[in-house]
Protein backbone atom coordinates (compact mmCIF):
# COMPACT_ATOMS: atom_id res chain seq x y z
CA MET A 1 20.86 -12.73 22.29
CA ALA A 2 17.46 -11.52 22.50
CA SER A 3 14.02 -12.90 20.96
CA TYR A 4 12.00 -12.00 18.01
CA LYS A 5 9.27 -10.80 20.66
CA GLN A 6 12.33 -9.13 22.42
CA THR A 7 13.54 -7.13 18.81
CA LEU A 8 10.36 -5.90 18.12
CA ASP A 9 9.41 -4.55 21.38
CA TYR A 10 12.72 -2.69 21.48
CA LEU A 11 11.85 -1.45 18.21
CA TYR A 12 8.26 -0.32 18.50
CA THR A 13 9.26 1.07 22.24
CA GLN A 14 12.54 2.48 20.91
CA LEU A 15 11.78 4.26 17.81
CA PRO A 16 9.25 6.48 16.21
CA MET A 17 7.36 5.13 14.95
CA PHE A 18 4.49 6.69 12.60
CA THR A 19 1.91 4.15 11.87
CA ARG A 20 1.06 4.71 15.91
CA VAL A 21 2.33 8.19 16.75
CA GLY A 22 1.75 10.36 13.43
CA GLU A 23 3.45 13.70 12.98
CA ALA A 24 5.89 12.96 15.63
CA ALA A 25 7.68 10.64 14.16
CA TYR A 26 8.09 11.90 10.53
CA LYS A 27 11.83 13.43 10.09
CA PRO A 28 11.63 16.13 7.25
CA ASN A 29 14.93 14.88 5.90
CA LEU A 30 17.11 12.04 4.86
CA ASP A 31 19.92 12.74 7.10
CA ASN A 32 19.94 9.81 9.37
CA THR A 33 18.67 7.25 6.49
CA ILE A 34 22.27 8.51 4.77
CA ARG A 35 24.19 8.01 8.03
CA LEU A 36 22.35 4.84 8.80
CA LEU A 37 23.42 3.48 5.09
CA ASN A 38 26.82 5.03 5.39
CA ALA A 39 27.75 3.45 8.27
CA LEU A 40 26.52 -0.11 6.74
CA GLY A 41 28.81 0.54 3.79
CA ASN A 42 25.40 1.48 1.49
CA PRO A 43 23.76 -1.55 0.37
CA GLN A 44 21.80 0.26 -1.41
CA GLU A 45 23.93 0.54 -4.35
CA SER A 46 24.45 -3.04 -5.00
CA ILE A 47 20.22 -3.64 -5.70
CA THR A 48 19.15 -2.69 -8.87
CA CYS A 49 15.43 -0.96 -8.05
CA ILE A 50 12.19 0.16 -8.89
CA HIS A 51 10.64 3.01 -7.21
CA ILE A 52 6.87 3.21 -6.65
CA ALA A 53 5.43 6.60 -4.64
CA GLY A 54 1.59 7.89 -4.84
CA THR A 55 -1.22 8.20 -2.56
CA ASN A 56 -3.21 5.58 -3.17
CA GLY A 57 -1.93 2.18 -5.15
CA LYS A 58 1.46 1.88 -5.06
CA GLY A 59 0.75 -1.19 -2.54
CA SER A 60 -1.35 -2.72 -5.41
CA THR A 61 1.16 -1.66 -8.39
CA SER A 62 3.95 -2.99 -5.87
CA ASN A 63 3.10 -6.36 -5.70
CA MET A 64 1.56 -6.54 -9.03
CA LEU A 65 5.10 -5.75 -10.18
CA ALA A 66 6.69 -7.93 -8.05
CA ALA A 67 4.34 -10.95 -8.92
CA ILE A 68 6.02 -10.45 -12.45
CA LEU A 69 9.36 -10.40 -12.18
CA GLN A 70 9.20 -13.38 -9.84
CA CYS A 71 7.45 -15.51 -12.86
CA ALA A 72 10.03 -13.93 -15.00
CA GLY A 73 12.30 -15.98 -12.94
CA TYR A 74 14.45 -12.85 -11.30
CA LYS A 75 15.20 -13.22 -7.75
CA THR A 76 12.78 -10.36 -6.35
CA GLY A 77 12.82 -8.14 -3.56
CA LEU A 78 9.62 -6.62 -2.35
CA TYR A 79 9.54 -3.30 0.14
CA THR A 80 6.31 -1.97 1.89
CA SER A 81 4.60 -0.88 4.59
CA PRO A 82 2.63 -0.77 6.92
CA HIS A 83 2.21 -4.44 7.30
CA LEU A 84 -0.99 -6.16 8.84
CA LEU A 85 -0.35 -9.22 10.98
CA ASP A 86 3.46 -9.55 11.11
CA PHE A 87 6.36 -6.49 10.81
CA ARG A 88 8.57 -8.92 8.68
CA GLU A 89 5.33 -8.79 5.58
CA ARG A 90 7.11 -5.35 5.03
CA ILE A 91 10.32 -6.98 3.57
CA ARG A 92 9.79 -10.38 1.24
CA ILE A 93 11.95 -11.70 -1.13
CA ASN A 94 10.01 -14.33 -3.94
CA GLY A 95 6.84 -13.79 -1.21
CA ILE A 96 8.85 -14.84 1.86
CA MET A 97 9.26 -12.78 4.16
CA ILE A 98 12.39 -12.20 6.00
CA PRO A 99 13.68 -14.51 8.58
CA LYS A 100 13.08 -13.85 12.28
CA VAL A 101 16.87 -14.62 12.94
CA TYR A 102 18.07 -11.88 10.27
CA VAL A 103 15.94 -9.14 12.02
CA VAL A 104 17.32 -10.19 15.46
CA LYS A 105 21.06 -10.36 14.30
CA PHE A 106 20.53 -7.27 12.51
CA VAL A 107 19.07 -4.86 15.28
CA ALA A 108 21.78 -6.84 18.15
CA LYS A 109 24.67 -5.82 15.69
CA HIS A 110 23.61 -2.33 15.81
CA LYS A 111 22.09 -1.36 18.06
CA SER A 112 24.84 0.65 19.17
CA LEU A 113 24.59 2.80 16.18
CA PHE A 114 20.82 2.95 16.22
CA GLN A 115 21.04 4.60 19.98
CA GLU A 116 23.74 6.86 18.47
CA ILE A 117 22.05 8.17 15.20
CA GLN A 118 17.86 7.95 17.50
CA PRO A 119 16.60 6.78 13.30
CA SER A 120 12.32 6.35 13.17
CA PHE A 121 11.19 3.36 13.13
CA PHE A 122 10.83 3.11 8.98
CA GLU A 123 14.39 4.92 8.88
CA MET A 124 15.58 1.87 10.81
CA THR A 125 13.50 -0.95 8.65
CA VAL A 126 14.97 0.89 5.59
CA ALA A 127 17.84 0.18 6.48
CA LEU A 128 17.58 -3.44 7.46
CA CYS A 129 15.87 -3.91 3.98
CA PHE A 130 18.92 -2.82 1.82
CA GLN A 131 21.04 -4.71 4.09
CA TYR A 132 19.20 -8.12 3.64
CA PHE A 133 18.07 -7.59 -0.39
CA ALA A 134 22.08 -6.82 -0.79
CA ASP A 135 23.20 -9.68 1.65
CA SER A 136 20.64 -12.15 -0.26
CA LYS A 137 21.87 -10.95 -3.38
CA ILE A 138 18.47 -10.17 -5.20
CA GLU A 139 18.13 -9.11 -9.12
CA PHE A 140 15.65 -6.66 -9.11
CA ALA A 141 14.27 -4.78 -5.53
CA VAL A 142 10.63 -3.45 -6.07
CA ILE A 143 10.90 0.09 -3.20
CA GLU A 144 7.57 1.25 -2.30
CA THR A 145 7.83 4.93 -0.73
CA GLY A 146 6.28 5.13 3.09
CA LEU A 147 5.00 8.72 2.40
CA GLY A 148 5.91 11.64 0.16
CA GLY A 149 8.90 10.67 -1.87
CA ARG A 150 11.11 13.80 -2.19
CA LEU A 151 11.98 13.43 1.81
CA ASP A 152 10.94 9.73 2.22
CA SER A 153 13.91 7.31 3.89
CA THR A 154 13.64 5.04 0.28
CA ASN A 155 14.59 7.66 -1.97
CA ILE A 156 18.23 7.64 -1.50
CA ILE A 157 18.38 5.03 -5.13
CA HIS A 158 18.73 5.19 -8.39
CA PRO A 159 16.34 3.18 -9.66
CA LEU A 160 15.96 1.37 -13.06
CA LEU A 161 12.37 3.38 -13.00
CA SER A 162 10.17 5.49 -11.02
CA ILE A 163 6.69 5.23 -10.94
CA ILE A 164 3.97 7.55 -9.52
CA THR A 165 0.77 6.28 -9.49
CA ASN A 166 -1.69 9.18 -8.87
CA ILE A 167 -2.24 11.82 -6.49
CA GLY A 168 -4.82 12.60 -3.94
CA LEU A 169 -5.32 14.88 -0.70
CA ASP A 170 -3.47 12.56 1.95
CA HIS A 171 -1.26 13.67 5.16
CA THR A 172 -1.73 17.10 3.70
CA ASN A 173 -0.17 18.12 7.09
CA LEU A 174 2.65 17.03 6.34
CA LEU A 175 3.07 17.43 2.20
CA GLY A 176 0.88 20.39 1.65
CA ASN A 177 -2.71 21.12 1.25
CA THR A 178 -3.11 21.29 -2.80
CA LEU A 179 -2.93 18.48 -5.20
CA ALA A 180 0.21 20.20 -6.69
CA GLU A 181 1.81 20.53 -3.34
CA ILE A 182 1.76 17.00 -2.66
CA ALA A 183 2.62 16.27 -6.42
CA VAL A 184 5.87 18.16 -6.06
CA GLU A 185 6.59 16.19 -3.07
CA LYS A 186 5.75 12.57 -5.21
CA ALA A 187 7.99 13.73 -7.69
CA GLY A 188 11.07 14.05 -5.72
CA ILE A 189 11.49 10.36 -6.64
CA ILE A 190 12.03 10.96 -10.16
CA LYS A 191 15.83 11.05 -10.86
CA SER A 192 18.22 12.35 -13.06
CA LYS A 193 18.21 10.45 -16.81
CA VAL A 194 15.96 7.78 -15.01
CA PRO A 195 12.54 7.01 -16.92
CA ALA A 196 9.16 8.13 -15.30
CA VAL A 197 6.20 6.27 -15.60
CA ILE A 198 2.71 8.56 -13.75
CA GLY A 199 -0.60 6.10 -13.71
CA GLU A 200 -3.18 8.83 -13.90
CA THR A 201 -3.40 12.10 -15.95
CA GLU A 202 -4.79 14.60 -13.37
CA ALA A 203 -4.95 18.27 -14.38
CA LYS A 204 -3.75 19.89 -11.37
CA THR A 205 -0.76 17.66 -11.37
CA LYS A 206 0.50 17.37 -14.59
CA ASN A 207 2.59 19.87 -15.35
CA VAL A 208 4.29 19.22 -12.04
CA PHE A 209 5.32 16.31 -12.90
CA ARG A 210 6.32 17.17 -16.64
CA ALA A 211 8.29 20.17 -15.00
CA LYS A 212 10.35 17.98 -12.95
CA ALA A 213 11.13 15.41 -15.72
CA LYS A 214 12.60 17.98 -17.83
CA GLU A 215 14.91 19.13 -15.05
CA MET A 216 15.59 15.47 -14.44
CA GLY A 217 16.62 14.88 -18.07
CA SER A 218 13.89 12.08 -17.80
CA LYS A 219 11.16 10.74 -20.42
CA ILE A 220 7.96 10.75 -18.83
CA ILE A 221 4.97 8.59 -19.99
CA PHE A 222 1.42 8.92 -17.99
CA ALA A 223 0.15 5.30 -18.01
CA ASP A 224 -3.55 6.03 -18.65
CA GLN A 225 -2.24 7.99 -22.01
CA GLN A 226 -1.28 4.65 -23.58
CA TRP A 227 -3.34 1.71 -22.30
CA LYS A 228 -7.18 1.04 -21.63
CA LEU A 229 -8.65 -1.73 -19.55
CA GLU A 230 -11.68 -3.03 -20.50
CA MET A 231 -13.96 -5.05 -17.55
CA ILE A 232 -15.14 -8.25 -19.51
CA LYS A 233 -15.69 -10.74 -16.59
CA HIS A 234 -16.10 -9.21 -12.67
CA ALA A 235 -16.10 -11.72 -9.58
CA HIS A 236 -15.83 -10.71 -5.57
CA ASP A 237 -12.19 -12.09 -5.62
CA ALA A 238 -11.01 -11.64 -8.98
CA MET A 239 -11.35 -9.91 -12.47
CA THR A 240 -11.12 -10.70 -16.23
CA VAL A 241 -10.06 -7.85 -18.40
CA ASN A 242 -8.93 -6.73 -21.63
CA ALA A 243 -5.94 -4.72 -22.30
CA PHE A 244 -5.79 -1.99 -24.88
CA HIS A 245 -2.65 0.25 -25.84
CA LYS A 246 -3.06 2.64 -28.21
CA ASN A 247 -6.75 1.14 -29.21
CA ASN A 248 -4.78 -2.02 -30.13
CA LEU A 249 -5.59 -5.18 -28.30
CA VAL A 250 -2.65 -6.40 -26.66
CA PHE A 251 -3.88 -8.69 -24.09
CA ASP A 252 -6.99 -10.51 -24.35
CA ALA A 253 -9.13 -11.90 -21.16
CA LEU A 254 -6.42 -11.28 -18.93
CA LYS A 255 -6.94 -12.75 -15.48
CA VAL A 256 -6.18 -10.58 -12.31
CA SER A 257 -6.55 -11.74 -9.13
CA LEU A 258 -7.64 -8.42 -7.37
CA ALA A 259 -11.02 -7.58 -7.66
CA GLY A 260 -11.94 -3.77 -6.89
CA ASN A 261 -12.49 -1.66 -9.86
CA TYR A 262 -9.75 0.94 -9.19
CA GLN A 263 -7.30 -1.93 -10.19
CA LEU A 264 -7.84 -1.17 -13.30
CA LYS A 265 -5.79 2.08 -13.40
CA ASN A 266 -3.04 0.28 -11.63
CA ILE A 267 -2.75 -2.61 -13.99
CA ALA A 268 -2.21 0.19 -16.69
CA THR A 269 0.36 1.40 -14.96
CA VAL A 270 1.93 -1.84 -14.09
CA LEU A 271 1.69 -2.60 -18.18
CA GLN A 272 3.09 0.56 -19.03
CA SER A 273 5.92 -0.43 -16.57
CA ILE A 274 6.58 -3.38 -18.09
CA ALA A 275 6.75 -1.70 -21.73
CA SER A 276 9.31 0.89 -20.27
CA LEU A 277 11.70 -1.51 -18.78
CA SER A 278 11.26 -3.87 -22.07
CA SER A 279 14.75 -3.67 -23.31
CA GLN A 280 16.34 -4.06 -19.61
CA LEU A 281 13.95 -6.91 -18.73
CA ASP A 282 13.26 -10.65 -20.33
CA ILE A 283 9.87 -10.71 -19.76
CA THR A 284 7.20 -12.57 -21.87
CA GLU A 285 3.53 -12.31 -22.37
CA ALA A 286 3.26 -15.89 -19.86
CA HIS A 287 5.14 -13.96 -17.43
CA ILE A 288 2.94 -11.42 -16.99
CA ARG A 289 -0.51 -13.28 -17.19
CA LYS A 290 1.39 -15.85 -14.78
CA GLY A 291 2.20 -13.18 -12.52
CA LEU A 292 -1.47 -11.24 -12.18
CA ALA A 293 -3.42 -14.18 -12.31
CA HIS A 294 -1.65 -15.81 -8.52
CA ILE A 295 -0.43 -12.15 -7.20
CA GLN A 296 -1.39 -13.31 -3.42
CA LYS A 297 0.30 -16.47 -4.09
CA HIS A 298 3.23 -14.89 -5.43
CA THR A 299 3.67 -12.14 -2.84
CA GLY A 300 1.21 -12.69 -0.09
CA PHE A 301 -0.46 -9.42 -0.37
CA ALA A 302 -3.22 -8.99 1.06
CA GLY A 303 -6.00 -6.43 2.29
CA ARG A 304 -7.16 -4.95 -0.66
CA TRP A 305 -10.75 -5.79 -1.21
CA GLN A 306 -9.91 -9.13 0.31
CA VAL A 307 -12.96 -11.27 0.13
CA ILE A 308 -12.97 -13.77 3.56
CA GLN A 309 -16.70 -15.46 2.72
CA LYS A 310 -19.02 -15.21 -0.07
CA HIS A 311 -22.14 -15.65 1.89
CA PRO A 312 -22.42 -13.10 3.96
CA LEU A 313 -19.88 -11.57 1.62
CA VAL A 314 -17.16 -10.23 3.78
CA ILE A 315 -14.75 -7.85 2.44
CA LEU A 316 -11.46 -6.33 4.21
CA ASP A 317 -10.37 -3.19 2.47
CA THR A 318 -7.25 -0.89 3.71
CA GLY A 319 -8.80 2.13 1.87
CA HIS A 320 -7.99 5.16 3.99
CA ASN A 321 -8.46 8.23 2.40
CA ALA A 322 -10.98 10.08 0.36
CA HIS A 323 -9.19 9.23 -3.16
CA GLY A 324 -8.76 5.56 -2.14
CA LEU A 325 -12.41 5.29 -0.34
CA GLN A 326 -14.22 6.73 -2.79
CA LEU A 327 -13.48 4.18 -5.55
CA SER A 328 -13.78 1.07 -2.92
CA LEU A 329 -17.23 2.77 -1.70
CA GLN A 330 -18.32 2.99 -5.08
CA GLN A 331 -17.86 -0.62 -5.65
CA LEU A 332 -19.56 -1.60 -2.46
CA LYS A 333 -22.57 0.08 -3.69
CA ASP A 334 -22.91 -1.70 -6.95
CA ALA A 335 -22.57 -5.51 -5.34
CA LYS A 336 -26.33 -5.60 -4.84
CA LYS A 337 -26.83 -7.08 -1.77
CA ASP A 338 -29.70 -6.11 0.71
CA GLN A 339 -28.18 -4.35 3.83
CA ILE A 340 -24.49 -2.98 3.91
CA ASN A 341 -23.04 -3.28 7.70
CA MET A 342 -19.55 -1.96 8.03
CA VAL A 343 -16.64 -1.77 10.58
CA PHE A 344 -15.43 1.45 10.25
CA GLY A 345 -12.61 3.77 12.51
CA VAL A 346 -10.08 6.17 11.68
CA VAL A 347 -6.70 7.82 12.70
CA GLN A 348 -6.86 11.22 13.96
CA ASP A 349 -5.13 12.58 11.23
CA LYS A 350 -7.66 11.93 8.16
CA LYS A 351 -9.69 14.09 6.58
CA LEU A 352 -13.23 13.22 7.64
CA ASP A 353 -14.94 16.27 6.36
CA ASP A 354 -14.22 14.85 3.36
CA ILE A 355 -14.62 11.38 3.73
CA LEU A 356 -18.27 11.16 5.53
CA PRO A 357 -19.82 12.80 2.36
CA LEU A 358 -18.70 9.58 0.32
CA LEU A 359 -19.97 6.72 2.61
CA PRO A 360 -23.65 4.97 1.95
CA ARG A 361 -26.27 6.44 3.77
CA ASP A 362 -28.20 2.85 3.79
CA ALA A 363 -25.39 1.32 5.71
CA HIS A 364 -25.02 0.25 9.10
CA TYR A 365 -21.80 1.49 11.01
CA PHE A 366 -20.22 -0.36 14.02
CA LEU A 367 -17.91 2.30 14.87
CA CYS A 368 -14.50 1.48 16.40
CA ALA A 369 -10.80 2.67 17.61
CA PRO A 370 -7.92 0.76 16.61
CA LYS A 371 -5.78 0.18 19.30
CA LEU A 372 -3.16 3.07 18.72
CA PRO A 373 -1.92 6.66 20.24
CA ARG A 374 -3.33 7.81 16.48
CA ALA A 375 -6.91 6.80 16.42
CA LEU A 376 -9.86 8.70 16.91
CA PRO A 377 -11.43 8.02 20.08
CA VAL A 378 -14.83 6.39 19.27
CA ALA A 379 -16.41 8.44 21.21
CA ALA A 380 -15.59 11.34 18.32
CA LEU A 381 -16.53 9.23 15.44
CA ALA A 382 -19.55 8.51 16.74
CA ALA A 383 -20.37 12.27 17.58
CA LEU A 384 -19.33 13.40 13.84
CA PHE A 385 -21.73 10.28 12.61
CA LYS A 386 -24.31 11.62 14.89
CA ASP A 387 -24.20 14.86 13.27
CA HIS A 388 -24.76 13.13 9.83
CA HIS A 389 -27.66 10.93 10.91
CA PHE A 390 -25.86 7.67 10.10
CA GLU A 391 -27.27 4.76 12.22
CA PHE A 392 -24.65 3.77 13.96
CA SER A 393 -23.26 0.72 16.73
CA VAL A 394 -20.64 2.30 19.26
CA CYS A 395 -18.02 -1.10 20.19
CA LYS A 396 -15.55 -0.88 22.17
CA ASN A 397 -13.04 -2.38 19.94
CA VAL A 398 -12.68 -4.07 16.35
CA VAL A 399 -12.94 -7.23 17.44
CA SER A 400 -16.21 -6.49 19.23
CA ALA A 401 -17.42 -4.58 16.13
CA TYR A 402 -16.46 -7.21 13.88
CA GLN A 403 -18.60 -10.00 16.12
CA LYS A 404 -21.58 -7.44 16.25
CA ALA A 405 -21.51 -6.81 12.68
CA TYR A 406 -21.34 -10.27 11.68
CA LYS A 407 -24.09 -11.35 13.64
CA LYS A 408 -26.48 -8.75 12.66
CA CYS A 409 -25.47 -10.31 8.63
CA LYS A 410 -27.76 -11.93 6.80
CA LYS A 411 -26.69 -14.60 3.89
CA ASN A 412 -27.51 -11.78 1.71
CA ASP A 413 -25.46 -8.69 2.71
CA ILE A 414 -22.43 -7.06 2.81
CA LEU A 415 -20.06 -6.96 5.74
CA PHE A 416 -17.38 -4.13 5.16
CA VAL A 417 -14.30 -3.59 7.38
CA GLY A 418 -12.29 -0.73 6.19
CA GLY A 419 -11.63 3.12 7.04
CA SER A 420 -7.90 2.45 8.31
CA THR A 421 -5.61 0.10 7.85
CA PHE A 422 -5.00 -0.64 11.07
CA VAL A 423 -8.91 -1.31 11.94
CA VAL A 424 -8.19 -4.40 9.00
CA ALA A 425 -4.99 -5.32 10.77
CA GLU A 426 -6.82 -6.04 13.93
CA ALA A 427 -9.71 -7.76 11.79
CA LEU A 428 -7.41 -9.80 10.30
CA GLN A 429 -5.53 -11.13 13.70
CA TYR A 430 -9.00 -12.37 15.23
CA LEU A 431 -9.90 -14.23 12.16
CA ASN A 432 -6.41 -15.74 11.49
CA ARG A 433 -6.91 -16.67 15.54
CA LYS A 434 -10.72 -18.22 14.58
CA ASN A 435 -9.15 -19.63 11.49
CA LYS A 436 -12.43 -18.47 9.49
CA ILE A 437 -10.07 -17.12 6.57
CA LYS A 438 -10.77 -20.14 3.95
CA LYS A 439 -7.13 -20.80 2.45
């Protein structure tokens, strides 16, 4: 039997992978997923799911919900993408990654099926996820969409609840050029008679969601119209908030082990999601408090405003589009440090015309390209930075960029690593090798 490494090599080389090659790997229908799952006996039908889509925030929201469910004693599956360090991060039960041996045996058993159907990497991973969760007899699965919603490979489930965090302009080449068009795609996860929670009310998208919910006979609630979050204490690696439901204080001094200011919107979405499922879940205030206070411990979540060290302040953040980066960069500007140094790289399909105006003018940029075909070459990135009169250095790779940026930092400076999930992943790999991440 093949080793785990050989199995991954097969998956990465034989199956088209969106994170590496982009649009060529995107399948604009659910045909392959349906064929795969039919061949497996439709394991997803035995799983109770919560389904989450959105341009930004769906990973954070998924991890918060999974942490709370785990603290309530439920055996909880969590499916997210992409991964940072290990493929198995995508599929977890109670925070523990799918065993290597299960991945190896699954691929070996179904290799002829893959050759017949020719699924994408993501389609295969979805099938693996549902089979593993069904075999493990989990009680709940939190399922994050990959790209879009309507045609996403995960959209073959009939969940207890559909959640859409927000809508921003990302993957416009595949999902649409306007917020309304993208909202139509995300709204595709709203199912018949299944309640839907929308995280943020947006003038250009709210009626899209209301129309879809009406069509499907589904109750719809906008979380930000129900919940207001008040920051009362903010550290670089955590926050404490008061949570008000319709102006009534429900959770005072609620501790959350995520630090990005943008998480306030995601927390509201999570609290409303738990409220919407209150008749079907046995979840107490204590479970919510415990789950949110230790999200990373319960689920292994990483990469969102992740503080590596404090002097200098080193932050990794996987925000990778204008909507997500705007929130992260505003917090970066508010951090009151002497100098901002940024390790920055992107992939080719990002709208840099929207991103560049958001970047701090007083930062020094260490430009790089992550190691994947979809990456924007560093020379092209440098030309754009030159045209916009940024101060920058060109680096041969992510590790070199990090080393140079770190060397430049003084005690009261900031080193921010971002622009792309894959830049963060390579920086994390380097830091793990160097054992610089303090547990």
